[in-house]
Protein backbone atom coordinates (compact mmCIF):
# COMPACT_ATOMS: atom_id res chain seq x y z
CA MET A 1 -27.34 -49.41 64.93
CA ALA A 2 -26.57 -46.30 62.93
CA PRO A 3 -26.21 -46.63 59.19
CA SER A 4 -22.58 -46.53 58.06
CA ALA A 5 -21.31 -43.73 55.92
CA GLY A 6 -20.01 -45.98 53.18
CA PRO A 7 -18.81 -45.06 49.72
CA ARG A 8 -21.08 -43.03 47.43
CA PRO A 9 -22.81 -44.84 44.62
CA HIS A 10 -20.79 -45.00 41.38
CA GLY A 11 -21.68 -42.57 38.56
CA ARG A 12 -22.08 -39.43 40.71
CA PHE A 13 -19.34 -36.90 41.33
CA PRO A 14 -19.39 -34.46 44.15
CA ARG A 15 -20.18 -30.96 42.91
CA ARG A 16 -16.90 -29.61 44.28
CA ARG A 17 -14.88 -32.07 42.23
CA VAL A 18 -16.71 -31.12 39.02
CA VAL A 19 -16.08 -27.41 39.67
CA ALA A 20 -12.44 -28.11 40.57
CA VAL A 21 -11.93 -29.78 37.18
CA ILE A 22 -14.06 -27.60 34.88
CA VAL A 23 -12.99 -24.13 36.09
CA PRO A 24 -9.25 -24.67 35.43
CA LEU A 25 -10.06 -26.17 32.02
CA LEU A 26 -12.13 -23.11 31.12
CA CYS A 27 -9.30 -20.83 32.26
CA VAL A 28 -6.78 -22.68 30.09
CA ALA A 29 -9.15 -22.55 27.10
CA ALA A 30 -9.61 -18.78 27.56
CA ALA A 31 -5.83 -18.23 27.81
CA VAL A 32 -5.21 -20.25 24.64
CA GLY A 33 -7.91 -18.26 22.82
CA LEU A 34 -6.38 -14.93 23.85
CA TYR A 35 -2.93 -16.11 22.81
CA HIS A 36 -4.12 -17.08 19.34
CA ARG A 37 -6.16 -13.91 19.00
CA ALA A 38 -3.14 -11.77 19.79
CA GLY A 39 -1.23 -13.88 17.24
CA ARG A 40 1.26 -11.71 15.44
CA LEU A 41 1.69 -9.27 18.28
CA LEU A 42 2.82 -12.03 20.62
CA SER A 43 5.19 -13.56 18.12
CA SER A 44 6.65 -10.46 16.50
CA GLY A 45 6.24 -7.71 19.06
CA CYS A 46 5.15 -5.34 16.26
CA VAL A 47 1.95 -3.34 16.05
CA VAL A 48 0.11 -2.38 12.84
CA ARG A 49 -1.78 0.93 12.80
CA VAL A 50 -3.88 1.62 9.71
CA VAL A 51 -3.52 5.25 8.62
CA SER A 52 -5.90 5.07 5.63
CA GLN A 53 -7.45 2.55 3.30
CA ALA A 54 -9.06 2.56 -0.13
CA PRO A 55 -11.24 -0.21 -1.58
CA SER A 56 -10.65 -1.12 -5.21
CA PRO A 57 -13.45 -0.12 -7.62
CA ASP A 58 -14.55 -3.76 -7.98
CA GLY A 59 -14.52 -4.31 -4.19
CA GLU A 60 -12.13 -7.27 -4.47
CA ARG A 61 -9.14 -5.63 -2.76
CA ARG A 62 -8.17 -2.84 -0.41
CA ALA A 63 -5.04 -0.73 -0.37
CA PHE A 64 -3.80 0.17 3.10
CA VAL A 65 -1.41 2.88 4.19
CA HIS A 66 -0.16 1.73 7.58
CA ASP A 67 2.54 1.97 10.21
CA TYR A 68 4.33 -1.18 11.28
CA ASP A 69 5.81 -0.29 14.64
CA CYS A 70 8.34 -2.66 16.16
CA GLY A 71 9.42 -0.40 19.00
CA ALA A 72 12.15 2.10 19.70
CA THR A 73 14.81 0.30 17.69
CA SER A 74 12.98 0.74 14.37
CA SER A 75 12.51 3.93 12.38
CA ALA A 76 9.13 5.54 11.79
CA ALA A 77 8.22 4.07 8.41
CA THR A 78 5.13 4.16 6.24
CA HIS A 79 3.97 0.94 4.59
CA VAL A 80 1.50 0.23 1.78
CA SER A 81 -0.18 -3.15 1.37
CA VAL A 82 -2.67 -4.45 -1.20
CA LEU A 83 -4.77 -7.25 0.24
CA PRO A 84 -8.02 -9.10 -0.41
CA ALA A 85 -11.01 -7.04 0.75
CA ASP A 86 -11.63 -9.20 3.82
CA GLU A 87 -8.05 -8.99 5.19
CA ARG A 88 -6.13 -6.39 7.19
CA PRO A 89 -2.36 -5.84 7.23
CA GLU A 90 -0.45 -7.83 9.86
CA GLU A 91 3.02 -7.63 8.32
CA PRO A 92 5.28 -5.06 6.67
CA GLY A 93 3.95 -3.54 3.46
CA ASN A 94 3.91 -5.75 0.39
CA VAL A 95 3.90 -2.75 -2.02
CA LEU A 96 5.86 0.09 -0.42
CA VAL A 97 8.04 0.71 2.64
CA VAL A 98 9.55 4.19 3.14
CA ASP A 99 10.93 6.27 5.99
CA HIS A 100 12.13 9.85 6.41
CA GLY A 101 15.70 8.88 5.57
CA HIS A 102 18.14 11.60 6.39
CA GLU A 103 15.62 14.39 5.83
CA PRO A 104 14.38 16.38 8.83
CA VAL A 105 11.16 14.93 10.19
CA PRO A 106 8.36 17.53 10.08
CA PRO A 107 7.33 18.79 13.55
CA GLY A 108 4.37 16.95 15.03
CA THR A 109 4.96 13.89 12.85
CA LYS A 110 4.18 10.65 14.65
CA GLY A 111 4.83 8.15 11.89
CA GLY A 112 6.65 7.83 8.62
CA PRO A 113 6.36 10.02 5.53
CA HIS A 114 2.91 11.03 4.23
CA VAL A 115 1.86 8.53 1.55
CA THR A 116 -1.44 8.39 -0.35
CA VAL A 117 -3.04 5.69 -2.46
CA ALA A 118 -5.70 5.98 -5.17
CA TRP A 119 -7.16 3.32 -7.45
CA THR A 120 -7.25 4.37 -11.10
CA THR A 121 -8.93 1.10 -12.19
CA ALA A 122 -9.75 -2.18 -10.45
CA ASP A 123 -6.22 -3.45 -11.20
CA ARG A 124 -4.17 -0.23 -11.11
CA LEU A 125 -3.11 1.63 -7.97
CA LYS A 126 -1.31 4.98 -7.78
CA VAL A 127 0.95 5.39 -4.73
CA THR A 128 2.24 8.91 -4.03
CA ARG A 129 5.20 9.49 -1.72
CA PRO A 130 7.48 12.43 -0.85
CA ALA A 131 10.56 12.84 -3.03
CA GLY A 132 12.86 12.85 0.01
CA ALA A 133 11.59 9.57 1.43
CA ARG A 134 14.10 6.73 1.69
CA VAL A 135 12.69 3.71 -0.16
CA PHE A 136 13.18 0.21 1.20
CA ARG A 137 10.60 -1.46 -1.01
CA ALA A 138 8.69 -0.25 -4.08
CA GLU A 139 7.05 -3.12 -5.93
CA PRO A 140 5.76 -2.63 -9.51
CA GLY A 141 2.87 -4.99 -8.83
CA SER A 142 1.15 -7.18 -6.28
CA ASP A 143 -1.35 -10.01 -6.75
CA GLY A 144 -2.47 -8.90 -10.23
CA VAL A 145 -2.45 -5.18 -9.42
CA THR A 146 -0.09 -2.83 -11.29
CA ILE A 147 1.42 -0.24 -8.97
CA GLY A 148 2.34 3.23 -10.23
CA HIS A 149 4.78 5.04 -7.95
CA VAL A 150 4.58 8.84 -8.09
CA LEU A 151 6.63 11.46 -6.27
CA ALA A 152 4.64 14.18 -4.54
CA PRO A 153 5.31 17.71 -5.80
CA GLY A 154 7.47 19.89 -3.62
């Protein structure tokens, strides 16, 4: 009499079943990780492009000049943010937001007006912007840093 092909002993799973369970779980985990990594882009649809940055003399902070591009419906604006040294901008500027306003945009310009930043001390930042720029935000200070706003000559 031939031995019967009865049920498998308890405690062992067929290899196919293990693969069929683990592979989809790994795919879901990877998708969740990518979603969280993309974070702000997925939720806001805006992209931050750092134009320049300057570390404070004490190394505690960085000043960023950046674009915050939310697509064709928003104007080309320049933003300035002061953040802790280990962070990067992910939102509109917390110090300055300017655009070209009603002035003609210089040929070849891809972003907003040309803005520069320079630390004068560890807690004082000089922000220079064009006189014709339209100002949406110009804060006198941010997180213990005094901001001096200067108009560029010309």
